[in-house]
Amino acid sequence: GWHWDGATLQLFTDRYGIHPLYYFWTDGVLGVSRSL
């Protein structure tokens, strides 16, 4: 999942990274979702 507190965006996953979480970063834009 992810958590945004207004200052820091954190993406996280379990100890194995088994549950997929996808993200993209390009020129000042970050997007995250479970679904590609």
Full PDB file with SEQRES, HELIX, SHEET, SSBOND, CRYST1, ORIGX, SCALE, CONECT and MASTER records, all heavy atoms in Angstrom:
SEQRES   1 A   36  GLY TRP HIS TRP ASP GLY ALA THR LEU GLN LEU PHE THR          
SEQRES   2 A   36  ASP ARG TYR GLY ILE HIS PRO LEU TYR TYR PHE TRP THR          
SEQRES   3 A   36  ASP GLY VAL LEU GLY VAL SER ARG SER LEU                      
SHEET    1 AA1 2 TRP A   2  TRP A   4  0                                        
SHEET    2 AA1 2 LEU A   9  LEU A  11 -1                                        
SHEET    1 AA2 2 TYR A  22  THR A  26  0                                        
SHEET    2 AA2 2 VAL A  29  SER A  33 -1                                        
CRYST1    1.000    1.000    1.000  90.00  90.00  90.00 P 1           1          
ORIGX1      1.000000  0.000000  0.000000        0.00000                         
ORIGX2      0.000000  1.000000  0.000000        0.00000                         
ORIGX3      0.000000  0.000000  1.000000        0.00000                         
SCALE1      1.000000  0.000000  0.000000        0.00000                         
SCALE2      0.000000  1.000000  0.000000        0.00000                         
SCALE3      0.000000  0.000000  1.000000        0.00000                         
ATOM      1  N   GLY A   1       0.815  -1.211   0.000  1.00  0.00           N  
ATOM      2  CA  GLY A   1       0.000   0.000   0.000  1.00  0.00           C  
ATOM      3  C   GLY A   1       0.843   1.253   0.000  1.00  0.00           C  
ATOM      4  O   GLY A   1       2.054   1.200  -0.236  1.00  0.00           O  
ATOM      5  N   TRP A   2       0.191   2.380   0.282  1.00  0.00           N  
ATOM      6  CA  TRP A   2       0.893   3.662   0.327  1.00  0.00           C  
ATOM      7  C   TRP A   2       0.259   4.570   1.375  1.00  0.00           C  
ATOM      8  O   TRP A   2      -0.885   4.361   1.802  1.00  0.00           O  
ATOM      9  CB  TRP A   2       0.887   4.336  -1.047  1.00  0.00           C  
ATOM     10  CG  TRP A   2      -0.472   4.718  -1.570  1.00  0.00           C  
ATOM     11  CD1 TRP A   2      -1.184   5.868  -1.318  1.00  0.00           C  
ATOM     12  CD2 TRP A   2      -1.294   3.942  -2.466  1.00  0.00           C  
ATOM     13  NE1 TRP A   2      -2.385   5.859  -1.997  1.00  0.00           N  
ATOM     14  CE2 TRP A   2      -2.466   4.693  -2.704  1.00  0.00           C  
ATOM     15  CE3 TRP A   2      -1.149   2.697  -3.085  1.00  0.00           C  
ATOM     16  CZ2 TRP A   2      -3.485   4.233  -3.546  1.00  0.00           C  
ATOM     17  CZ3 TRP A   2      -2.162   2.245  -3.921  1.00  0.00           C  
ATOM     18  CH2 TRP A   2      -3.315   3.012  -4.137  1.00  0.00           C  
ATOM     19  N   HIS A   3       1.018   5.577   1.775  1.00  0.00           N  
ATOM     20  CA  HIS A   3       0.545   6.541   2.781  1.00  0.00           C  
ATOM     21  C   HIS A   3       1.168   7.901   2.470  1.00  0.00           C  
ATOM     22  O   HIS A   3       2.383   8.032   2.338  1.00  0.00           O  
ATOM     23  CB  HIS A   3       0.950   6.090   4.187  1.00  0.00           C  
ATOM     24  CG  HIS A   3       0.587   7.071   5.252  1.00  0.00           C  
ATOM     25  ND1 HIS A   3      -0.711   7.267   5.686  1.00  0.00           N  
ATOM     26  CD2 HIS A   3       1.353   7.931   5.979  1.00  0.00           C  
ATOM     27  CE1 HIS A   3      -0.722   8.195   6.624  1.00  0.00           C  
ATOM     28  NE2 HIS A   3       0.510   8.627   6.818  1.00  0.00           N  
ATOM     29  N   TRP A   4       0.320   8.926   2.355  1.00  0.00           N  
ATOM     30  CA  TRP A   4       0.757  10.303   2.104  1.00  0.00           C  
ATOM     31  C   TRP A   4       0.281  11.154   3.262  1.00  0.00           C  
ATOM     32  O   TRP A   4      -0.921  11.248   3.540  1.00  0.00           O  
ATOM     33  CB  TRP A   4       0.184  10.803   0.771  1.00  0.00           C  
ATOM     34  CG  TRP A   4       0.231  12.293   0.568  1.00  0.00           C  
ATOM     35  CD1 TRP A   4      -0.834  13.132   0.452  1.00  0.00           C  
ATOM     36  CD2 TRP A   4       1.398  13.111   0.427  1.00  0.00           C  
ATOM     37  NE1 TRP A   4      -0.428  14.421   0.250  1.00  0.00           N  
ATOM     38  CE2 TRP A   4       0.950  14.451   0.234  1.00  0.00           C  
ATOM     39  CE3 TRP A   4       2.769  12.868   0.472  1.00  0.00           C  
ATOM     40  CZ2 TRP A   4       1.831  15.513   0.076  1.00  0.00           C  
ATOM     41  CZ3 TRP A   4       3.639  13.927   0.305  1.00  0.00           C  
ATOM     42  CH2 TRP A   4       3.170  15.237   0.109  1.00  0.00           C  
ATOM     43  N   ASP A   5       1.216  11.800   3.986  1.00  0.00           N  
ATOM     44  CA  ASP A   5       0.856  12.594   5.159  1.00  0.00           C  
ATOM     45  C   ASP A   5       0.949  14.099   4.907  1.00  0.00           C  
ATOM     46  O   ASP A   5       0.875  14.900   5.841  1.00  0.00           O  
ATOM     47  CB  ASP A   5       1.741  12.215   6.348  1.00  0.00           C  
ATOM     48  CG  ASP A   5       3.217  12.508   6.111  1.00  0.00           C  
ATOM     49  OD1 ASP A   5       3.571  13.135   5.083  1.00  0.00           O  
ATOM     50  OD2 ASP A   5       4.037  12.104   6.957  1.00  0.00           O  
ATOM     51  N   GLY A   6       1.107  14.479   3.656  1.00  0.00           N  
ATOM     52  CA  GLY A   6       1.217  15.893   3.336  1.00  0.00           C  
ATOM     53  C   GLY A   6       2.639  16.360   3.142  1.00  0.00           C  
ATOM     54  O   GLY A   6       2.879  17.419   2.559  1.00  0.00           O  
ATOM     55  N   ALA A   7       3.592  15.571   3.627  1.00  0.00           N  
ATOM     56  CA  ALA A   7       5.004  15.916   3.449  1.00  0.00           C  
ATOM     57  C   ALA A   7       5.804  14.773   2.841  1.00  0.00           C  
ATOM     58  O   ALA A   7       6.736  14.994   2.077  1.00  0.00           O  
ATOM     59  CB  ALA A   7       5.631  16.312   4.785  1.00  0.00           C  
ATOM     60  N   THR A   8       5.412  13.533   3.181  1.00  0.00           N  
ATOM     61  CA  THR A   8       6.155  12.359   2.719  1.00  0.00           C  
ATOM     62  C   THR A   8       5.181  11.336   2.158  1.00  0.00           C  
ATOM     63  O   THR A   8       4.179  11.001   2.802  1.00  0.00           O  
ATOM     64  CB  THR A   8       6.951  11.722   3.871  1.00  0.00           C  
ATOM     65  OG1 THR A   8       7.843  12.684   4.427  1.00  0.00           O  
ATOM     66  CG2 THR A   8       7.737  10.520   3.383  1.00  0.00           C  
ATOM     67  N   LEU A   9       5.489  10.848   0.979  1.00  0.00           N  
ATOM     68  CA  LEU A   9       4.743   9.733   0.400  1.00  0.00           C  
ATOM     69  C   LEU A   9       5.575   8.473   0.594  1.00  0.00           C  
ATOM     70  O   LEU A   9       6.747   8.427   0.220  1.00  0.00           O  
ATOM     71  CB  LEU A   9       4.494   9.959  -1.098  1.00  0.00           C  
ATOM     72  CG  LEU A   9       3.855   8.773  -1.847  1.00  0.00           C  
ATOM     73  CD1 LEU A   9       2.466   8.473  -1.299  1.00  0.00           C  
ATOM     74  CD2 LEU A   9       3.800   9.062  -3.350  1.00  0.00           C  
ATOM     75  N   GLN A  10       4.959   7.463   1.194  1.00  0.00           N  
ATOM     76  CA  GLN A  10       5.665   6.197   1.402  1.00  0.00           C  
ATOM     77  C   GLN A  10       4.878   5.057   0.789  1.00  0.00           C  
ATOM     78  O   GLN A  10       3.696   4.886   1.057  1.00  0.00           O  
ATOM     79  CB  GLN A  10       5.884   5.929   2.892  1.00  0.00           C  
ATOM     80  CG  GLN A  10       6.665   4.642   3.147  1.00  0.00           C  
ATOM     81  CD  GLN A  10       7.060   4.466   4.593  1.00  0.00           C  
ATOM     82  OE1 GLN A  10       6.570   5.165   5.460  1.00  0.00           O  
ATOM     83  NE2 GLN A  10       7.939   3.516   4.862  1.00  0.00           N  
ATOM     84  N   LEU A  11       5.557   4.273  -0.045  1.00  0.00           N  
ATOM     85  CA  LEU A  11       5.014   3.043  -0.582  1.00  0.00           C  
ATOM     86  C   LEU A  11       5.667   1.891   0.172  1.00  0.00           C  
ATOM     87  O   LEU A  11       6.851   1.953   0.506  1.00  0.00           O  
ATOM     88  CB  LEU A  11       5.334   2.900  -2.077  1.00  0.00           C  
ATOM     89  CG  LEU A  11       4.484   3.662  -3.094  1.00  0.00           C  
ATOM     90  CD1 LEU A  11       4.364   5.130  -2.786  1.00  0.00           C  
ATOM     91  CD2 LEU A  11       5.027   3.439  -4.508  1.00  0.00           C  
ATOM     92  N   PHE A  12       4.914   0.825   0.443  1.00  0.00           N  
ATOM     93  CA  PHE A  12       5.455  -0.275   1.232  1.00  0.00           C  
ATOM     94  C   PHE A  12       4.858  -1.593   0.772  1.00  0.00           C  
ATOM     95  O   PHE A  12       3.780  -1.635   0.180  1.00  0.00           O  
ATOM     96  CB  PHE A  12       5.170  -0.061   2.722  1.00  0.00           C  
ATOM     97  CG  PHE A  12       3.711   0.153   3.035  1.00  0.00           C  
ATOM     98  CD1 PHE A  12       2.859  -0.913   3.266  1.00  0.00           C  
ATOM     99  CD2 PHE A  12       3.172   1.450   3.075  1.00  0.00           C  
ATOM    100  CE1 PHE A  12       1.510  -0.706   3.541  1.00  0.00           C  
ATOM    101  CE2 PHE A  12       1.825   1.661   3.351  1.00  0.00           C  
ATOM    102  CZ  PHE A  12       0.988   0.580   3.582  1.00  0.00           C  
ATOM    103  N   THR A  13       5.588  -2.648   1.052  1.00  0.00           N  
ATOM    104  CA  THR A  13       5.098  -3.990   0.765  1.00  0.00           C  
ATOM    105  C   THR A  13       5.609  -4.940   1.825  1.00  0.00           C  
ATOM    106  O   THR A  13       6.410  -4.567   2.694  1.00  0.00           O  
ATOM    107  CB  THR A  13       5.536  -4.455  -0.646  1.00  0.00           C  
ATOM    108  OG1 THR A  13       4.911  -5.703  -0.949  1.00  0.00           O  
ATOM    109  CG2 THR A  13       7.039  -4.619  -0.728  1.00  0.00           C  
ATOM    110  N   ASP A  14       5.125  -6.183   1.791  1.00  0.00           N  
ATOM    111  CA  ASP A  14       5.474  -7.168   2.809  1.00  0.00           C  
ATOM    112  C   ASP A  14       6.929  -7.617   2.678  1.00  0.00           C  
ATOM    113  O   ASP A  14       7.647  -7.212   1.764  1.00  0.00           O  
ATOM    114  CB  ASP A  14       4.535  -8.378   2.710  1.00  0.00           C  
ATOM    115  CG  ASP A  14       4.574  -9.003   1.320  1.00  0.00           C  
ATOM    116  OD1 ASP A  14       5.546  -9.714   1.010  1.00  0.00           O  
ATOM    117  OD2 ASP A  14       3.630  -8.776   0.533  1.00  0.00           O  
ATOM    118  N   ARG A  15       7.362  -8.469   3.585  1.00  0.00           N  
ATOM    119  CA  ARG A  15       8.775  -8.850   3.666  1.00  0.00           C  
ATOM    120  C   ARG A  15       9.275  -9.554   2.406  1.00  0.00           C  
ATOM    121  O   ARG A  15      10.478  -9.563   2.133  1.00  0.00           O  
ATOM    122  CB  ARG A  15       9.012  -9.728   4.907  1.00  0.00           C  
ATOM    123  CG  ARG A  15       8.481 -11.143   4.788  1.00  0.00           C  
ATOM    124  CD  ARG A  15       8.326 -11.844   6.145  1.00  0.00           C  
ATOM    125  NE  ARG A  15       9.552 -11.953   6.900  1.00  0.00           N  
ATOM    126  CZ  ARG A  15      10.165 -13.107   7.162  1.00  0.00           C  
ATOM    127  NH1 ARG A  15       9.698 -14.249   6.668  1.00  0.00           N  
ATOM    128  NH2 ARG A  15      11.249 -13.128   7.920  1.00  0.00           N  
ATOM    129  N   TYR A  16       8.374 -10.166   1.640  1.00  0.00           N  
ATOM    130  CA  TYR A  16       8.795 -10.853   0.428  1.00  0.00           C  
ATOM    131  C   TYR A  16       8.559 -10.023  -0.840  1.00  0.00           C  
ATOM    132  O   TYR A  16       9.043 -10.394  -1.911  1.00  0.00           O  
ATOM    133  CB  TYR A  16       8.032 -12.176   0.264  1.00  0.00           C  
ATOM    134  CG  TYR A  16       7.906 -12.991   1.518  1.00  0.00           C  
ATOM    135  CD1 TYR A  16       6.678 -13.117   2.164  1.00  0.00           C  
ATOM    136  CD2 TYR A  16       9.006 -13.642   2.074  1.00  0.00           C  
ATOM    137  CE1 TYR A  16       6.545 -13.878   3.314  1.00  0.00           C  
ATOM    138  CE2 TYR A  16       8.886 -14.395   3.234  1.00  0.00           C  
ATOM    139  CZ  TYR A  16       7.645 -14.505   3.848  1.00  0.00           C  
ATOM    140  OH  TYR A  16       7.516 -15.244   4.994  1.00  0.00           O  
ATOM    141  N   GLY A  17       7.800  -8.945  -0.728  1.00  0.00           N  
ATOM    142  CA  GLY A  17       7.385  -8.231  -1.931  1.00  0.00           C  
ATOM    143  C   GLY A  17       6.443  -9.064  -2.778  1.00  0.00           C  
ATOM    144  O   GLY A  17       6.356  -8.889  -3.993  1.00  0.00           O  
ATOM    145  N   ILE A  18       5.715  -9.971  -2.133  1.00  0.00           N  
ATOM    146  CA  ILE A  18       4.844 -10.900  -2.858  1.00  0.00           C  
ATOM    147  C   ILE A  18       3.595 -10.193  -3.379  1.00  0.00           C  
ATOM    148  O   ILE A  18       3.155 -10.422  -4.501  1.00  0.00           O  
ATOM    149  CB  ILE A  18       4.439 -12.078  -1.942  1.00  0.00           C  
ATOM    150  CG1 ILE A  18       5.624 -13.032  -1.767  1.00  0.00           C  
ATOM    151  CG2 ILE A  18       3.230 -12.817  -2.492  1.00  0.00           C  
ATOM    152  CD1 ILE A  18       5.942 -13.885  -2.956  1.00  0.00           C  
ATOM    153  N   HIS A  19       3.002  -9.319  -2.543  1.00  0.00           N  
ATOM    154  CA  HIS A  19       1.805  -8.603  -3.000  1.00  0.00           C  
ATOM    155  C   HIS A  19       2.265  -7.466  -3.913  1.00  0.00           C  
ATOM    156  O   HIS A  19       2.932  -6.534  -3.478  1.00  0.00           O  
ATOM    157  CB  HIS A  19       1.027  -8.039  -1.808  1.00  0.00           C  
ATOM    158  CG  HIS A  19      -0.406  -7.741  -2.138  1.00  0.00           C  
ATOM    159  ND1 HIS A  19      -0.773  -6.835  -3.118  1.00  0.00           N  
ATOM    160  CD2 HIS A  19      -1.561  -8.247  -1.639  1.00  0.00           C  
ATOM    161  CE1 HIS A  19      -2.090  -6.792  -3.195  1.00  0.00           C  
ATOM    162  NE2 HIS A  19      -2.596  -7.632  -2.317  1.00  0.00           N  
ATOM    163  N   PRO A  20       1.947  -7.520  -5.200  1.00  0.00           N  
ATOM    164  CA  PRO A  20       2.507  -6.528  -6.137  1.00  0.00           C  
ATOM    165  C   PRO A  20       1.961  -5.123  -5.900  1.00  0.00           C  
ATOM    166  O   PRO A  20       0.790  -4.929  -5.573  1.00  0.00           O  
ATOM    167  CB  PRO A  20       2.086  -7.063  -7.506  1.00  0.00           C  
ATOM    168  CG  PRO A  20       0.862  -7.887  -7.239  1.00  0.00           C  
ATOM    169  CD  PRO A  20       1.057  -8.481  -5.872  1.00  0.00           C  
ATOM    170  N   LEU A  21       2.835  -4.148  -6.065  1.00  0.00           N  
ATOM    171  CA  LEU A  21       2.460  -2.739  -6.031  1.00  0.00           C  
ATOM    172  C   LEU A  21       3.301  -2.031  -7.092  1.00  0.00           C  
ATOM    173  O   LEU A  21       4.530  -2.064  -7.038  1.00  0.00           O  
ATOM    174  CB  LEU A  21       2.714  -2.127  -4.652  1.00  0.00           C  
ATOM    175  CG  LEU A  21       2.154  -0.701  -4.475  1.00  0.00           C  
ATOM    176  CD1 LEU A  21       0.624  -0.724  -4.466  1.00  0.00           C  
ATOM    177  CD2 LEU A  21       2.667  -0.075  -3.180  1.00  0.00           C  
ATOM    178  N   TYR A  22       2.628  -1.410  -8.047  1.00  0.00           N  
ATOM    179  CA  TYR A  22       3.303  -0.803  -9.192  1.00  0.00           C  
ATOM    180  C   TYR A  22       3.332   0.717  -9.046  1.00  0.00           C  
ATOM    181  O   TYR A  22       2.413   1.327  -8.482  1.00  0.00           O  
ATOM    182  CB  TYR A  22       2.576  -1.173 -10.492  1.00  0.00           C  
ATOM    183  CG  TYR A  22       2.485  -2.663 -10.714  1.00  0.00           C  
ATOM    184  CD1 TYR A  22       1.339  -3.378 -10.343  1.00  0.00           C  
ATOM    185  CD2 TYR A  22       3.548  -3.376 -11.272  1.00  0.00           C  
ATOM    186  CE1 TYR A  22       1.255  -4.743 -10.530  1.00  0.00           C  
ATOM    187  CE2 TYR A  22       3.473  -4.745 -11.463  1.00  0.00           C  
ATOM    188  CZ  TYR A  22       2.326  -5.420 -11.094  1.00  0.00           C  
ATOM    189  OH  TYR A  22       2.248  -6.788 -11.266  1.00  0.00           O  
ATOM    190  N   TYR A  23       4.374   1.330  -9.602  1.00  0.00           N  
ATOM    191  CA  TYR A  23       4.479   2.779  -9.548  1.00  0.00           C  
ATOM    192  C   TYR A  23       5.216   3.276 -10.779  1.00  0.00           C  
ATOM    193  O   TYR A  23       5.940   2.529 -11.440  1.00  0.00           O  
ATOM    194  CB  TYR A  23       5.217   3.223  -8.275  1.00  0.00           C  
ATOM    195  CG  TYR A  23       6.685   2.855  -8.243  1.00  0.00           C  
ATOM    196  CD1 TYR A  23       7.673   3.734  -8.702  1.00  0.00           C  
ATOM    197  CD2 TYR A  23       7.091   1.601  -7.776  1.00  0.00           C  
ATOM    198  CE1 TYR A  23       9.007   3.379  -8.686  1.00  0.00           C  
ATOM    199  CE2 TYR A  23       8.432   1.243  -7.757  1.00  0.00           C  
ATOM    200  CZ  TYR A  23       9.378   2.136  -8.209  1.00  0.00           C  
ATOM    201  OH  TYR A  23      10.715   1.785  -8.212  1.00  0.00           O  
ATOM    202  N   PHE A  24       4.993   4.554 -11.103  1.00  0.00           N  
ATOM    203  CA  PHE A  24       5.795   5.205 -12.131  1.00  0.00           C  
ATOM    204  C   PHE A  24       6.218   6.575 -11.617  1.00  0.00           C  
ATOM    205  O   PHE A  24       5.540   7.210 -10.811  1.00  0.00           O  
ATOM    206  CB  PHE A  24       5.041   5.321 -13.463  1.00  0.00           C  
ATOM    207  CG  PHE A  24       3.964   6.383 -13.502  1.00  0.00           C  
ATOM    208  CD1 PHE A  24       4.251   7.676 -13.913  1.00  0.00           C  
ATOM    209  CD2 PHE A  24       2.650   6.072 -13.151  1.00  0.00           C  
ATOM    210  CE1 PHE A  24       3.265   8.653 -13.956  1.00  0.00           C  
ATOM    211  CE2 PHE A  24       1.658   7.036 -13.192  1.00  0.00           C  
ATOM    212  CZ  PHE A  24       1.968   8.336 -13.591  1.00  0.00           C  
ATOM    213  N   TRP A  25       7.365   7.025 -12.090  1.00  0.00           N  
ATOM    214  CA  TRP A  25       7.908   8.332 -11.741  1.00  0.00           C  
ATOM    215  C   TRP A  25       8.418   8.973 -13.017  1.00  0.00           C  
ATOM    216  O   TRP A  25       9.213   8.386 -13.749  1.00  0.00           O  
ATOM    217  CB  TRP A  25       9.033   8.197 -10.723  1.00  0.00           C  
ATOM    218  CG  TRP A  25       9.987   9.367 -10.701  1.00  0.00           C  
ATOM    219  CD1 TRP A  25      11.208   9.445 -11.304  1.00  0.00           C  
ATOM    220  CD2 TRP A  25       9.771  10.633 -10.072  1.00  0.00           C  
ATOM    221  NE1 TRP A  25      11.774  10.676 -11.096  1.00  0.00           N  
ATOM    222  CE2 TRP A  25      10.909  11.426 -10.339  1.00  0.00           C  
ATOM    223  CE3 TRP A  25       8.734  11.163  -9.319  1.00  0.00           C  
ATOM    224  CZ2 TRP A  25      11.035  12.723  -9.868  1.00  0.00           C  
ATOM    225  CZ3 TRP A  25       8.872  12.448  -8.853  1.00  0.00           C  
ATOM    226  CH2 TRP A  25       9.989  13.219  -9.116  1.00  0.00           C  
ATOM    227  N   THR A  26       7.931  10.164 -13.327  1.00  0.00           N  
ATOM    228  CA  THR A  26       8.400  10.847 -14.521  1.00  0.00           C  
ATOM    229  C   THR A  26       8.241  12.344 -14.362  1.00  0.00           C  
ATOM    230  O   THR A  26       7.132  12.841 -14.148  1.00  0.00           O  
ATOM    231  CB  THR A  26       7.644  10.361 -15.781  1.00  0.00           C  
ATOM    232  OG1 THR A  26       8.059  11.111 -16.912  1.00  0.00           O  
ATOM    233  CG2 THR A  26       6.136  10.460 -15.631  1.00  0.00           C  
ATOM    234  N   ASP A  27       9.342  13.071 -14.400  1.00  0.00           N  
ATOM    235  CA  ASP A  27       9.345  14.537 -14.452  1.00  0.00           C  
ATOM    236  C   ASP A  27       8.438  15.176 -13.399  1.00  0.00           C  
ATOM    237  O   ASP A  27       7.569  15.989 -13.719  1.00  0.00           O  
ATOM    238  CB  ASP A  27       8.926  15.006 -15.846  1.00  0.00           C  
ATOM    239  CG  ASP A  27       9.956  14.633 -16.901  1.00  0.00           C  
ATOM    240  OD1 ASP A  27      11.147  14.569 -16.569  1.00  0.00           O  
ATOM    241  OD2 ASP A  27       9.556  14.389 -18.045  1.00  0.00           O  
ATOM    242  N   GLY A  28       8.619  14.807 -12.125  1.00  0.00           N  
ATOM    243  CA  GLY A  28       7.877  15.444 -11.048  1.00  0.00           C  
ATOM    244  C   GLY A  28       6.502  14.884 -10.787  1.00  0.00           C  
ATOM    245  O   GLY A  28       5.725  15.468 -10.031  1.00  0.00           O  
ATOM    246  N   VAL A  29       6.159  13.740 -11.395  1.00  0.00           N  
ATOM    247  CA  VAL A  29       4.857  13.096 -11.179  1.00  0.00           C  
ATOM    248  C   VAL A  29       5.094  11.656 -10.752  1.00  0.00           C  
ATOM    249  O   VAL A  29       5.864  10.925 -11.393  1.00  0.00           O  
ATOM    250  CB  VAL A  29       4.003  13.114 -12.462  1.00  0.00           C  
ATOM    251  CG1 VAL A  29       2.677  12.388 -12.225  1.00  0.00           C  
ATOM    252  CG2 VAL A  29       3.743  14.540 -12.920  1.00  0.00           C  
ATOM    253  N   LEU A  30       4.444  11.243  -9.670  1.00  0.00           N  
ATOM    254  CA  LEU A  30       4.528   9.865  -9.217  1.00  0.00           C  
ATOM    255  C   LEU A  30       3.118   9.298  -9.122  1.00  0.00           C  
ATOM    256  O   LEU A  30       2.225   9.920  -8.555  1.00  0.00           O  
ATOM    257  CB  LEU A  30       5.221   9.771  -7.859  1.00  0.00           C  
ATOM    258  CG  LEU A  30       5.616   8.358  -7.404  1.00  0.00           C  
ATOM    259  CD1 LEU A  30       6.907   8.394  -6.587  1.00  0.00           C  
ATOM    260  CD2 LEU A  30       4.518   7.675  -6.585  1.00  0.00           C  
ATOM    261  N   GLY A  31       2.941   8.113  -9.684  1.00  0.00           N  
ATOM    262  CA  GLY A  31       1.659   7.421  -9.601  1.00  0.00           C  
ATOM    263  C   GLY A  31       1.848   6.029  -9.046  1.00  0.00           C  
ATOM    264  O   GLY A  31       2.880   5.384  -9.284  1.00  0.00           O  
ATOM    265  N   VAL A  32       0.881   5.532  -8.276  1.00  0.00           N  
ATOM    266  CA  VAL A  32       0.984   4.219  -7.660  1.00  0.00           C  
ATOM    267  C   VAL A  32      -0.375   3.531  -7.680  1.00  0.00           C  
ATOM    268  O   VAL A  32      -1.416   4.172  -7.527  1.00  0.00           O  
ATOM    269  CB  VAL A  32       1.520   4.323  -6.209  1.00  0.00           C  
ATOM    270  CG1 VAL A  32       0.650   5.248  -5.356  1.00  0.00           C  
ATOM    271  CG2 VAL A  32       1.630   2.944  -5.566  1.00  0.00           C  
ATOM    272  N   SER A  33      -0.370   2.219  -7.891  1.00  0.00           N  
ATOM    273  CA  SER A  33      -1.600   1.427  -7.881  1.00  0.00           C  
ATOM    274  C   SER A  33      -1.247  -0.045  -7.759  1.00  0.00           C  
ATOM    275  O   SER A  33      -0.130  -0.466  -8.091  1.00  0.00           O  
ATOM    276  CB  SER A  33      -2.403   1.642  -9.166  1.00  0.00           C  
ATOM    277  OG  SER A  33      -3.586   0.856  -9.163  1.00  0.00           O  
ATOM    278  N   ARG A  34      -2.194  -0.819  -7.295  1.00  0.00           N  
ATOM    279  CA  ARG A  34      -2.053  -2.275  -7.327  1.00  0.00           C  
ATOM    280  C   ARG A  34      -2.175  -2.786  -8.766  1.00  0.00           C  
ATOM    281  O   ARG A  34      -1.622  -3.841  -9.102  1.00  0.00           O  
ATOM    282  CB  ARG A  34      -3.139  -2.898  -6.444  1.00  0.00           C  
ATOM    283  CG  ARG A  34      -3.512  -4.355  -6.737  1.00  0.00           C  
ATOM    284  CD  ARG A  34      -2.356  -5.305  -6.534  1.00  0.00           C  
ATOM    285  NE  ARG A  34      -2.689  -6.647  -6.994  1.00  0.00           N  
ATOM    286  CZ  ARG A  34      -2.532  -7.092  -8.230  1.00  0.00           C  
ATOM    287  NH1 ARG A  34      -2.057  -6.303  -9.170  1.00  0.00           N  
ATOM    288  NH2 ARG A  34      -2.834  -8.326  -8.550  1.00  0.00           N  
ATOM    289  N   SER A  35      -2.858  -2.053  -9.621  1.00  0.00           N  
ATOM    290  CA  SER A  35      -3.149  -2.512 -10.982  1.00  0.00           C  
ATOM    291  C   SER A  35      -2.285  -1.783 -11.996  1.00  0.00           C  
ATOM    292  O   SER A  35      -2.339  -0.558 -12.095  1.00  0.00           O  
ATOM    293  CB  SER A  35      -4.633  -2.287 -11.304  1.00  0.00           C  
ATOM    294  OG  SER A  35      -4.875  -2.436 -12.686  1.00  0.00           O  
ATOM    295  N   LEU A  36      -1.521  -2.531 -12.770  1.00  0.00           N  
ATOM    296  CA  LEU A  36      -0.718  -1.918 -13.814  1.00  0.00           C  
ATOM    297  C   LEU A  36      -1.585  -1.303 -14.923  1.00  0.00           C  
ATOM    298  O   LEU A  36      -1.304  -0.188 -15.375  1.00  0.00           O  
ATOM    299  CB  LEU A  36       0.278  -2.942 -14.372  1.00  0.00           C  
ATOM    300  CG  LEU A  36       1.343  -2.444 -15.339  1.00  0.00           C  
ATOM    301  CD1 LEU A  36       2.615  -3.270 -15.208  1.00  0.00           C  
ATOM    302  CD2 LEU A  36       0.867  -2.473 -16.772  1.00  0.00           C  
TER     303      LEU A  36                                                      
MASTER        0    0    0    0    4    0    0    6  302    1    0    3          
END                                                                             
